[in-house]
Amino acid sequence: METIGEQPDIEVSGEIREESEILDAIERTQPDFLIITLGDSDERPGICDSVLARHPEVRVLAIAPDRNSTIYYWVSPEIHSAPIETSEGGVLSALRSRANDRRR
């Protein structure tokens, strides 16, 4: 999603092609969000559990644009999810919500 990187208030810290590299990348960059591809179903991806167990401060957006499906995962203290509008506005709103949480 190029539009995410084009937002003045959102910084993209990298792109990972191999799932096995995700946890190391999170350690290095300490992102607010991890955006991943959602599989063939809306079941929570396994990497979500690993990421959120080790980094409960990170929020995960799982996106399946071909199915028009996006799910937002976070921990507090359990893993939560919520469908969001699969649109530029819906994804950007979810990304910006994390920044608003930190300001409170």
PDB file of N, CA and C in Angstrom:
ATOM      1  N   MET A   1       0.840  -1.188   0.000  1.00  0.00           N
ATOM      2  CA  MET A   1       0.000   0.000   0.000  1.00  0.00           C
ATOM      3  C   MET A   1       0.883   1.249   0.000  1.00  0.00           C
ATOM      4  N   GLU A   2       1.063   1.794  -1.137  1.00  0.00           N
ATOM      5  CA  GLU A   2       1.883   2.987  -1.242  1.00  0.00           C
ATOM      6  C   GLU A   2       1.295   4.154  -0.471  1.00  0.00           C
ATOM      7  N   THR A   3      -0.012   4.239  -0.357  1.00  0.00           N
ATOM      8  CA  THR A   3      -0.624   5.382   0.299  1.00  0.00           C
ATOM      9  C   THR A   3      -0.226   5.479   1.764  1.00  0.00           C
ATOM     10  N   ILE A   4       0.113   4.382   2.413  1.00  0.00           N
ATOM     11  CA  ILE A   4       0.548   4.442   3.813  1.00  0.00           C
ATOM     12  C   ILE A   4       1.857   5.208   3.907  1.00  0.00           C
ATOM     13  N   GLY A   5       2.819   4.866   3.079  1.00  0.00           N
ATOM     14  CA  GLY A   5       4.109   5.538   3.097  1.00  0.00           C
ATOM     15  C   GLY A   5       4.057   6.987   2.662  1.00  0.00           C
ATOM     16  N   GLU A   6       2.996   7.369   1.983  1.00  0.00           N
ATOM     17  CA  GLU A   6       2.849   8.744   1.503  1.00  0.00           C
ATOM     18  C   GLU A   6       2.231   9.672   2.545  1.00  0.00           C
ATOM     19  N   GLN A   7       1.808   9.125   3.676  1.00  0.00           N
ATOM     20  CA  GLN A   7       1.161   9.946   4.705  1.00  0.00           C
ATOM     21  C   GLN A   7       2.223  10.685   5.520  1.00  0.00           C
ATOM     22  N   PRO A   8       2.066  11.980   5.739  1.00  0.00           N
ATOM     23  CA  PRO A   8       3.090  12.747   6.456  1.00  0.00           C
ATOM     24  C   PRO A   8       3.224  12.355   7.929  1.00  0.00           C
ATOM     25  N   ASP A   9       2.199  11.757   8.515  1.00  0.00           N
ATOM     26  CA  ASP A   9       2.256  11.405   9.934  1.00  0.00           C
ATOM     27  C   ASP A   9       2.515   9.919  10.179  1.00  0.00           C
ATOM     28  N   ILE A  10       2.829   9.170   9.114  1.00  0.00           N
ATOM     29  CA  ILE A  10       3.101   7.731   9.235  1.00  0.00           C
ATOM     30  C   ILE A  10       4.433   7.438   8.568  1.00  0.00           C
ATOM     31  N   GLU A  11       5.313   6.768   9.308  1.00  0.00           N
ATOM     32  CA  GLU A  11       6.621   6.395   8.781  1.00  0.00           C
ATOM     33  C   GLU A  11       6.676   4.887   8.586  1.00  0.00           C
ATOM     34  N   VAL A  12       7.022   4.446   7.390  1.00  0.00           N
ATOM     35  CA  VAL A  12       7.209   3.027   7.111  1.00  0.00           C
ATOM     36  C   VAL A  12       8.670   2.709   7.399  1.00  0.00           C
ATOM     37  N   SER A  13       8.899   1.759   8.323  1.00  0.00           N
ATOM     38  CA  SER A  13      10.270   1.464   8.728  1.00  0.00           C
ATOM     39  C   SER A  13      10.891   0.320   7.950  1.00  0.00           C
ATOM     40  N   GLY A  14      10.121  -0.397   7.147  1.00  0.00           N
ATOM     41  CA  GLY A  14      10.708  -1.463   6.341  1.00  0.00           C
ATOM     42  C   GLY A  14       9.665  -2.406   5.796  1.00  0.00           C
ATOM     43  N   GLU A  15      10.136  -3.289   4.940  1.00  0.00           N
ATOM     44  CA  GLU A  15       9.277  -4.314   4.347  1.00  0.00           C
ATOM     45  C   GLU A  15       9.997  -5.640   4.478  1.00  0.00           C
ATOM     46  N   ILE A  16       9.287  -6.639   4.965  1.00  0.00           N
ATOM     47  CA  ILE A  16       9.850  -7.970   5.178  1.00  0.00           C
ATOM     48  C   ILE A  16       9.133  -8.939   4.247  1.00  0.00           C
ATOM     49  N   ARG A  17       9.880  -9.727   3.521  1.00  0.00           N
ATOM     50  CA  ARG A  17       9.281 -10.708   2.612  1.00  0.00           C
ATOM     51  C   ARG A  17       9.169 -12.091   3.267  1.00  0.00           C
ATOM     52  N   GLU A  18      10.055 -12.395   4.202  1.00  0.00           N
ATOM     53  CA  GLU A  18      10.077 -13.705   4.857  1.00  0.00           C
ATOM     54  C   GLU A  18       9.519 -13.591   6.266  1.00  0.00           C
ATOM     55  N   GLU A  19       8.493 -14.390   6.567  1.00  0.00           N
ATOM     56  CA  GLU A  19       7.867 -14.359   7.888  1.00  0.00           C
ATOM     57  C   GLU A  19       8.884 -14.635   8.996  1.00  0.00           C
ATOM     58  N   SER A  20       9.882 -15.455   8.719  1.00  0.00           N
ATOM     59  CA  SER A  20      10.888 -15.808   9.724  1.00  0.00           C
ATOM     60  C   SER A  20      11.717 -14.600  10.169  1.00  0.00           C
ATOM     61  N   GLU A  21      11.698 -13.517   9.430  1.00  0.00           N
ATOM     62  CA  GLU A  21      12.479 -12.321   9.756  1.00  0.00           C
ATOM     63  C   GLU A  21      11.681 -11.283  10.546  1.00  0.00           C
ATOM     64  N   ILE A  22      10.396 -11.504  10.730  1.00  0.00           N
ATOM     65  CA  ILE A  22       9.531 -10.495  11.329  1.00  0.00           C
ATOM     66  C   ILE A  22       9.933 -10.151  12.762  1.00  0.00           C
ATOM     67  N   LEU A  23      10.135 -11.145  13.616  1.00  0.00           N
ATOM     68  CA  LEU A  23      10.443 -10.859  15.025  1.00  0.00           C
ATOM     69  C   LEU A  23      11.759 -10.101  15.165  1.00  0.00           C
ATOM     70  N   ASP A  24      12.775 -10.466  14.383  1.00  0.00           N
ATOM     71  CA  ASP A  24      14.043  -9.731  14.425  1.00  0.00           C
ATOM     72  C   ASP A  24      13.860  -8.285  13.969  1.00  0.00           C
ATOM     73  N   ALA A  25      13.061  -8.086  12.927  1.00  0.00           N
ATOM     74  CA  ALA A  25      12.815  -6.731  12.424  1.00  0.00           C
ATOM     75  C   ALA A  25      12.088  -5.894  13.468  1.00  0.00           C
ATOM     76  N   ILE A  26      11.158  -6.489  14.188  1.00  0.00           N
ATOM     77  CA  ILE A  26      10.449  -5.762  15.239  1.00  0.00           C
ATOM     78  C   ILE A  26      11.414  -5.363  16.346  1.00  0.00           C
ATOM     79  N   GLU A  27      12.312  -6.251  16.712  1.00  0.00           N
ATOM     80  CA  GLU A  27      13.335  -5.926  17.727  1.00  0.00           C
ATOM     81  C   GLU A  27      14.168  -4.726  17.289  1.00  0.00           C
ATOM     82  N   ARG A  28      14.544  -4.699  16.014  1.00  0.00           N
ATOM     83  CA  ARG A  28      15.398  -3.620  15.497  1.00  0.00           C
ATOM     84  C   ARG A  28      14.670  -2.296  15.371  1.00  0.00           C
ATOM     85  N   THR A  29      13.454  -2.322  14.846  1.00  0.00           N
ATOM     86  CA  THR A  29      12.778  -1.070  14.486  1.00  0.00           C
ATOM     87  C   THR A  29      11.760  -0.588  15.509  1.00  0.00           C
ATOM     88  N   GLN A  30      11.288  -1.481  16.382  1.00  0.00           N
ATOM     89  CA  GLN A  30      10.293  -1.150  17.405  1.00  0.00           C
ATOM     90  C   GLN A  30       9.108  -0.364  16.825  1.00  0.00           C
ATOM     91  N   PRO A  31       8.399  -0.964  15.868  1.00  0.00           N
ATOM     92  CA  PRO A  31       7.287  -0.265  15.231  1.00  0.00           C
ATOM     93  C   PRO A  31       6.050  -0.211  16.122  1.00  0.00           C
ATOM     94  N   ASP A  32       5.165   0.704  15.814  1.00  0.00           N
ATOM     95  CA  ASP A  32       3.850   0.737  16.456  1.00  0.00           C
ATOM     96  C   ASP A  32       2.940  -0.312  15.831  1.00  0.00           C
ATOM     97  N   PHE A  33       3.122  -0.542  14.522  1.00  0.00           N
ATOM     98  CA  PHE A  33       2.265  -1.455  13.764  1.00  0.00           C
ATOM     99  C   PHE A  33       3.083  -2.432  12.943  1.00  0.00           C
ATOM    100  N   LEU A  34       2.496  -3.591  12.724  1.00  0.00           N
ATOM    101  CA  LEU A  34       2.991  -4.566  11.767  1.00  0.00           C
ATOM    102  C   LEU A  34       1.830  -4.816  10.811  1.00  0.00           C
ATOM    103  N   ILE A  35       2.082  -4.674   9.524  1.00  0.00           N
ATOM    104  CA  ILE A  35       1.056  -4.946   8.523  1.00  0.00           C
ATOM    105  C   ILE A  35       1.450  -6.246   7.837  1.00  0.00           C
ATOM    106  N   ILE A  36       0.534  -7.221   7.858  1.00  0.00           N
ATOM    107  CA  ILE A  36       0.807  -8.521   7.251  1.00  0.00           C
ATOM    108  C   ILE A  36      -0.314  -8.877   6.278  1.00  0.00           C
ATOM    109  N   THR A  37      -0.044  -9.887   5.473  1.00  0.00           N
ATOM    110  CA  THR A  37      -1.051 -10.396   4.554  1.00  0.00           C
ATOM    111  C   THR A  37      -1.924 -11.393   5.293  1.00  0.00           C
ATOM    112  N   LEU A  38      -3.212 -11.231   5.168  1.00  0.00           N
ATOM    113  CA  LEU A  38      -4.179 -12.151   5.756  1.00  0.00           C
ATOM    114  C   LEU A  38      -4.325 -13.335   4.813  1.00  0.00           C
ATOM    115  N   GLY A  39      -4.307 -14.539   5.356  1.00  0.00           N
ATOM    116  CA  GLY A  39      -4.394 -15.751   4.548  1.00  0.00           C
ATOM    117  C   GLY A  39      -5.742 -15.925   3.870  1.00  0.00           C
ATOM    118  N   ASP A  40      -6.007 -17.155   3.453  1.00  0.00           N
ATOM    119  CA  ASP A  40      -7.225 -17.468   2.700  1.00  0.00           C
ATOM    120  C   ASP A  40      -8.499 -17.382   3.533  1.00  0.00           C
ATOM    121  N   SER A  41      -8.365 -17.385   4.848  1.00  0.00           N
ATOM    122  CA  SER A  41      -9.540 -17.248   5.708  1.00  0.00           C
ATOM    123  C   SER A  41      -9.306 -16.068   6.640  1.00  0.00           C
ATOM    124  N   ASP A  42     -10.307 -15.735   7.416  1.00  0.00           N
ATOM    125  CA  ASP A  42     -10.154 -14.641   8.373  1.00  0.00           C
ATOM    126  C   ASP A  42      -9.656 -15.136   9.732  1.00  0.00           C
ATOM    127  N   GLU A  43      -9.079 -16.360   9.765  1.00  0.00           N
ATOM    128  CA  GLU A  43      -8.504 -16.859  11.009  1.00  0.00           C
ATOM    129  C   GLU A  43      -7.243 -16.065  11.324  1.00  0.00           C
ATOM    130  N   ARG A  44      -6.989 -15.879  12.611  1.00  0.00           N
ATOM    131  CA  ARG A  44      -5.816 -15.117  13.039  1.00  0.00           C
ATOM    132  C   ARG A  44      -4.547 -15.825  12.561  1.00  0.00           C
ATOM    133  N   PRO A  45      -3.682 -15.115  11.838  1.00  0.00           N
ATOM    134  CA  PRO A  45      -2.428 -15.711  11.375  1.00  0.00           C
ATOM    135  C   PRO A  45      -1.547 -16.112  12.561  1.00  0.00           C
ATOM    136  N   GLY A  46      -0.852 -17.230  12.454  1.00  0.00           N
ATOM    137  CA  GLY A  46       0.010 -17.720  13.528  1.00  0.00           C
ATOM    138  C   GLY A  46       1.072 -16.719  13.957  1.00  0.00           C
ATOM    139  N   ILE A  47       1.636 -15.984  13.006  1.00  0.00           N
ATOM    140  CA  ILE A  47       2.671 -15.001  13.351  1.00  0.00           C
ATOM    141  C   ILE A  47       2.128 -13.944  14.299  1.00  0.00           C
ATOM    142  N   CYS A  48       0.831 -13.712  14.234  1.00  0.00           N
ATOM    143  CA  CYS A  48       0.183 -12.733  15.118  1.00  0.00           C
ATOM    144  C   CYS A  48       0.409 -13.107  16.584  1.00  0.00           C
ATOM    145  N   ASP A  49       0.213 -14.374  16.910  1.00  0.00           N
ATOM    146  CA  ASP A  49       0.383 -14.825  18.291  1.00  0.00           C
ATOM    147  C   ASP A  49       1.821 -14.642  18.748  1.00  0.00           C
ATOM    148  N   SER A  50       2.778 -14.991  17.891  1.00  0.00           N
ATOM    149  CA  SER A  50       4.194 -14.848  18.237  1.00  0.00           C
ATOM    150  C   SER A  50       4.568 -13.388  18.469  1.00  0.00           C
ATOM    151  N   VAL A  51       4.133 -12.533  17.557  1.00  0.00           N
ATOM    152  CA  VAL A  51       4.449 -11.103  17.655  1.00  0.00           C
ATOM    153  C   VAL A  51       3.825 -10.501  18.913  1.00  0.00           C
ATOM    154  N   LEU A  52       2.541 -10.744  19.109  1.00  0.00           N
ATOM    155  CA  LEU A  52       1.843 -10.106  20.224  1.00  0.00           C
ATOM    156  C   LEU A  52       2.245 -10.681  21.576  1.00  0.00           C
ATOM    157  N   ALA A  53       2.694 -11.930  21.618  1.00  0.00           N
ATOM    158  CA  ALA A  53       3.189 -12.504  22.871  1.00  0.00           C
ATOM    159  C   ALA A  53       4.507 -11.854  23.273  1.00  0.00           C
ATOM    160  N   ARG A  54       5.387 -11.614  22.307  1.00  0.00           N
ATOM    161  CA  ARG A  54       6.694 -11.015  22.604  1.00  0.00           C
ATOM    162  C   ARG A  54       6.669  -9.494  22.633  1.00  0.00           C
ATOM    163  N   HIS A  55       5.721  -8.926  21.895  1.00  0.00           N
ATOM    164  CA  HIS A  55       5.653  -7.465  21.759  1.00  0.00           C
ATOM    165  C   HIS A  55       4.202  -7.015  21.878  1.00  0.00           C
ATOM    166  N   PRO A  56       3.624  -7.055  23.072  1.00  0.00           N
ATOM    167  CA  PRO A  56       2.213  -6.692  23.225  1.00  0.00           C
ATOM    168  C   PRO A  56       1.916  -5.233  22.890  1.00  0.00           C
ATOM    169  N   GLU A  57       2.922  -4.409  22.788  1.00  0.00           N
ATOM    170  CA  GLU A  57       2.726  -3.003  22.439  1.00  0.00           C
ATOM    171  C   GLU A  57       2.500  -2.800  20.937  1.00  0.00           C
ATOM    172  N   VAL A  58       2.840  -3.790  20.130  1.00  0.00           N
ATOM    173  CA  VAL A  58       2.687  -3.695  18.680  1.00  0.00           C
ATOM    174  C   VAL A  58       1.256  -4.047  18.310  1.00  0.00           C
ATOM    175  N   ARG A  59       0.736  -3.344  17.342  1.00  0.00           N
ATOM    176  CA  ARG A  59      -0.592  -3.653  16.812  1.00  0.00           C
ATOM    177  C   ARG A  59      -0.401  -4.234  15.418  1.00  0.00           C
ATOM    178  N   VAL A  60      -1.282  -5.148  15.046  1.00  0.00           N
ATOM    179  CA  VAL A  60      -1.132  -5.865  13.779  1.00  0.00           C
ATOM    180  C   VAL A  60      -2.356  -5.617  12.900  1.00  0.00           C
ATOM    181  N   LEU A  61      -2.089  -5.234  11.659  1.00  0.00           N
ATOM    182  CA  LEU A  61      -3.134  -5.149  10.639  1.00  0.00           C
ATOM    183  C   LEU A  61      -2.900  -6.290   9.665  1.00  0.00           C
ATOM    184  N   ALA A  62      -3.883  -7.170   9.529  1.00  0.00           N
ATOM    185  CA  ALA A  62      -3.813  -8.267   8.565  1.00  0.00           C
ATOM    186  C   ALA A  62      -4.757  -7.921   7.426  1.00  0.00           C
ATOM    187  N   ILE A  63      -4.209  -7.829   6.227  1.00  0.00           N
ATOM    188  CA  ILE A  63      -4.971  -7.330   5.088  1.00  0.00           C
ATOM    189  C   ILE A  63      -5.014  -8.383   3.979  1.00  0.00           C
ATOM    190  N   ALA A  64      -6.212  -8.612   3.441  1.00  0.00           N
ATOM    191  CA  ALA A  64      -6.409  -9.479   2.272  1.00  0.00           C
ATOM    192  C   ALA A  64      -7.169  -8.664   1.228  1.00  0.00           C
ATOM    193  N   PRO A  65      -6.466  -7.832   0.456  1.00  0.00           N
ATOM    194  CA  PRO A  65      -7.152  -6.947  -0.482  1.00  0.00           C
ATOM    195  C   PRO A  65      -7.952  -7.701  -1.540  1.00  0.00           C
ATOM    196  N   ASP A  66      -7.512  -8.908  -1.924  1.00  0.00           N
ATOM    197  CA  ASP A  66      -8.236  -9.669  -2.940  1.00  0.00           C
ATOM    198  C   ASP A  66      -9.600 -10.133  -2.441  1.00  0.00           C
ATOM    199  N   ARG A  67      -9.756 -10.236  -1.102  1.00  0.00           N
ATOM    200  CA  ARG A  67     -11.039 -10.629  -0.518  1.00  0.00           C
ATOM    201  C   ARG A  67     -11.741  -9.445   0.139  1.00  0.00           C
ATOM    202  N   ASN A  68     -11.140  -8.264   0.040  1.00  0.00           N
ATOM    203  CA  ASN A  68     -11.703  -7.070   0.655  1.00  0.00           C
ATOM    204  C   ASN A  68     -11.913  -7.278   2.157  1.00  0.00           C
ATOM    205  N   SER A  69     -10.855  -7.791   2.819  1.00  0.00           N
ATOM    206  CA  SER A  69     -10.940  -8.100   4.241  1.00  0.00           C
ATOM    207  C   SER A  69      -9.699  -7.577   4.960  1.00  0.00           C
ATOM    208  N   THR A  70      -9.907  -6.895   6.075  1.00  0.00           N
ATOM    209  CA  THR A  70      -8.821  -6.405   6.904  1.00  0.00           C
ATOM    210  C   THR A  70      -9.211  -6.611   8.361  1.00  0.00           C
ATOM    211  N   ILE A  71      -8.279  -7.152   9.152  1.00  0.00           N
ATOM    212  CA  ILE A  71      -8.538  -7.377  10.572  1.00  0.00           C
ATOM    213  C   ILE A  71      -7.413  -6.739  11.376  1.00  0.00           C
ATOM    214  N   TYR A  72      -7.782  -6.104  12.465  1.00  0.00           N
ATOM    215  CA  TYR A  72      -6.886  -5.347  13.339  1.00  0.00           C
ATOM    216  C   TYR A  72      -6.749  -6.132  14.636  1.00  0.00           C
ATOM    217  N   TYR A  73      -5.511  -6.486  15.018  1.00  0.00           N
ATOM    218  CA  TYR A  73      -5.244  -7.256  16.241  1.00  0.00           C
ATOM    219  C   TYR A  73      -4.425  -6.426  17.221  1.00  0.00           C
ATOM    220  N   TRP A  74      -4.748  -6.535  18.509  1.00  0.00           N
ATOM    221  CA  TRP A  74      -3.982  -5.870  19.554  1.00  0.00           C
ATOM    222  C   TRP A  74      -4.181  -6.649  20.856  1.00  0.00           C
ATOM    223  N   VAL A  75      -3.343  -6.361  21.828  1.00  0.00           N
ATOM    224  CA  VAL A  75      -3.393  -7.038  23.119  1.00  0.00           C
ATOM    225  C   VAL A  75      -3.683  -6.024  24.212  1.00  0.00           C
ATOM    226  N   SER A  76      -4.577  -6.423  25.124  1.00  0.00           N
ATOM    227  CA  SER A  76      -4.843  -5.561  26.286  1.00  0.00           C
ATOM    228  C   SER A  76      -5.660  -6.278  27.350  1.00  0.00           C
ATOM    229  N   PRO A  77      -5.190  -7.127  28.092  1.00  0.00           N
ATOM    230  CA  PRO A  77      -4.041  -8.030  28.001  1.00  0.00           C
ATOM    231  C   PRO A  77      -4.305  -9.248  27.146  1.00  0.00           C
ATOM    232  N   GLU A  78      -5.441  -9.372  26.513  1.00  0.00           N
ATOM    233  CA  GLU A  78      -5.727 -10.470  25.594  1.00  0.00           C
ATOM    234  C   GLU A  78      -5.632  -9.961  24.161  1.00  0.00           C
ATOM    235  N   ILE A  79      -5.508 -10.880  23.220  1.00  0.00           N
ATOM    236  CA  ILE A  79      -5.482 -10.491  21.807  1.00  0.00           C
ATOM    237  C   ILE A  79      -6.898 -10.151  21.378  1.00  0.00           C
ATOM    238  N   HIS A  80      -7.054  -8.987  20.772  1.00  0.00           N
ATOM    239  CA  HIS A  80      -8.350  -8.521  20.274  1.00  0.00           C
ATOM    240  C   HIS A  80      -8.272  -8.390  18.764  1.00  0.00           C
ATOM    241  N   SER A  81      -9.403  -8.355  18.130  1.00  0.00           N
ATOM    242  CA  SER A  81      -9.440  -8.077  16.696  1.00  0.00           C
ATOM    243  C   SER A  81     -10.743  -7.363  16.376  1.00  0.00           C
ATOM    244  N   ALA A  82     -10.707  -6.647  15.304  1.00  0.00           N
ATOM    245  CA  ALA A  82     -11.907  -5.956  14.848  1.00  0.00           C
ATOM    246  C   ALA A  82     -11.809  -5.791  13.341  1.00  0.00           C
ATOM    247  N   PRO A  83     -12.874  -6.122  12.617  1.00  0.00           N
ATOM    248  CA  PRO A  83     -12.844  -5.840  11.181  1.00  0.00           C
ATOM    249  C   PRO A  83     -12.856  -4.328  10.982  1.00  0.00           C
ATOM    250  N   ILE A  84     -12.120  -3.889  10.015  1.00  0.00           N
ATOM    251  CA  ILE A  84     -12.134  -2.468   9.683  1.00  0.00           C
ATOM    252  C   ILE A  84     -12.459  -2.335   8.206  1.00  0.00           C
ATOM    253  N   GLU A  85     -12.873  -1.176   7.838  1.00  0.00           N
ATOM    254  CA  GLU A  85     -13.200  -0.920   6.436  1.00  0.00           C
ATOM    255  C   GLU A  85     -11.949  -1.114   5.593  1.00  0.00           C
ATOM    256  N   THR A  86     -12.026  -1.985   4.592  1.00  0.00           N
ATOM    257  CA  THR A  86     -10.888  -2.235   3.720  1.00  0.00           C
ATOM    258  C   THR A  86     -10.847  -1.165   2.644  1.00  0.00           C
ATOM    259  N   SER A  87     -10.333  -0.044   3.061  1.00  0.00           N
ATOM    260  CA  SER A  87     -10.186   1.088   2.152  1.00  0.00           C
ATOM    261  C   SER A  87      -8.998   1.883   2.645  1.00  0.00           C
ATOM    262  N   GLU A  88      -8.549   2.781   1.844  1.00  0.00           N
ATOM    263  CA  GLU A  88      -7.442   3.648   2.255  1.00  0.00           C
ATOM    264  C   GLU A  88      -7.794   4.356   3.559  1.00  0.00           C
ATOM    265  N   GLY A  89      -8.999   4.890   3.658  1.00  0.00           N
ATOM    266  CA  GLY A  89      -9.429   5.606   4.858  1.00  0.00           C
ATOM    267  C   GLY A  89      -9.500   4.696   6.075  1.00  0.00           C
ATOM    268  N   GLY A  90     -10.018   3.476   5.905  1.00  0.00           N
ATOM    269  CA  GLY A  90     -10.136   2.543   7.020  1.00  0.00           C
ATOM    270  C   GLY A  90      -8.786   2.133   7.570  1.00  0.00           C
ATOM    271  N   VAL A  91      -7.847   1.804   6.681  1.00  0.00           N
ATOM    272  CA  VAL A  91      -6.507   1.396   7.101  1.00  0.00           C
ATOM    273  C   VAL A  91      -5.769   2.566   7.745  1.00  0.00           C
ATOM    274  N   LEU A  92      -5.839   3.739   7.143  1.00  0.00           N
ATOM    275  CA  LEU A  92      -5.155   4.908   7.715  1.00  0.00           C
ATOM    276  C   LEU A  92      -5.744   5.282   9.063  1.00  0.00           C
ATOM    277  N   SER A  93      -7.037   5.156   9.219  1.00  0.00           N
ATOM    278  CA  SER A  93      -7.673   5.443  10.499  1.00  0.00           C
ATOM    279  C   SER A  93      -7.168   4.495  11.577  1.00  0.00           C
ATOM    280  N   ALA A  94      -7.043   3.207  11.258  1.00  0.00           N
ATOM    281  CA  ALA A  94      -6.524   2.238  12.226  1.00  0.00           C
ATOM    282  C   ALA A  94      -5.083   2.559  12.594  1.00  0.00           C
ATOM    283  N   LEU A  95      -4.264   2.916  11.603  1.00  0.00           N
ATOM    284  CA  LEU A  95      -2.867   3.262  11.885  1.00  0.00           C
ATOM    285  C   LEU A  95      -2.772   4.504  12.772  1.00  0.00           C
ATOM    286  N   ARG A  96      -3.608   5.466  12.498  1.00  0.00           N
ATOM    287  CA  ARG A  96      -3.570   6.703  13.283  1.00  0.00           C
ATOM    288  C   ARG A  96      -4.123   6.502  14.690  1.00  0.00           C
ATOM    289  N   SER A  97      -4.975   5.525  14.902  1.00  0.00           N
ATOM    290  CA  SER A  97      -5.546   5.299  16.229  1.00  0.00           C
ATOM    291  C   SER A  97      -4.462   4.938  17.235  1.00  0.00           C
ATOM    292  N   ARG A  98      -3.412   4.259  16.816  1.00  0.00           N
ATOM    293  CA  ARG A  98      -2.309   3.897  17.716  1.00  0.00           C
ATOM    294  C   ARG A  98      -1.584   5.149  18.197  1.00  0.00           C
ATOM    295  N   ALA A  99      -1.360   6.085  17.305  1.00  0.00           N
ATOM    296  CA  ALA A  99      -0.698   7.335  17.680  1.00  0.00           C
ATOM    297  C   ALA A  99      -1.554   8.108  18.673  1.00  0.00           C
ATOM    298  N   ASN A 100      -2.866   8.114  18.470  1.00  0.00           N
ATOM    299  CA  ASN A 100      -3.771   8.795  19.396  1.00  0.00           C
ATOM    300  C   ASN A 100      -3.763   8.139  20.766  1.00  0.00           C
ATOM    301  N   ASP A 101      -3.660   6.803  20.823  1.00  0.00           N
ATOM    302  CA  ASP A 101      -3.597   6.090  22.101  1.00  0.00           C
ATOM    303  C   ASP A 101      -2.372   6.502  22.899  1.00  0.00           C
ATOM    304  N   ARG A 102      -1.250   6.689  22.238  1.00  0.00           N
ATOM    305  CA  ARG A 102       0.005   7.035  22.921  1.00  0.00           C
ATOM    306  C   ARG A 102      -0.018   8.461  23.469  1.00  0.00           C
ATOM    307  N   ARG A 103      -0.787   9.321  22.848  1.00  0.00           N
ATOM    308  CA  ARG A 103      -0.846  10.725  23.301  1.00  0.00           C
ATOM    309  C   ARG A 103      -1.669  10.897  24.553  1.00  0.00           C
ATOM    310  N   ARG A 104      -2.509   9.923  24.879  1.00  0.00           N
ATOM    311  CA  ARG A 104      -3.397  10.039  26.041  1.00  0.00           C
ATOM    312  C   ARG A 104      -2.667   9.810  27.323  1.00  0.00           C
TER     313      ARG A 104
END
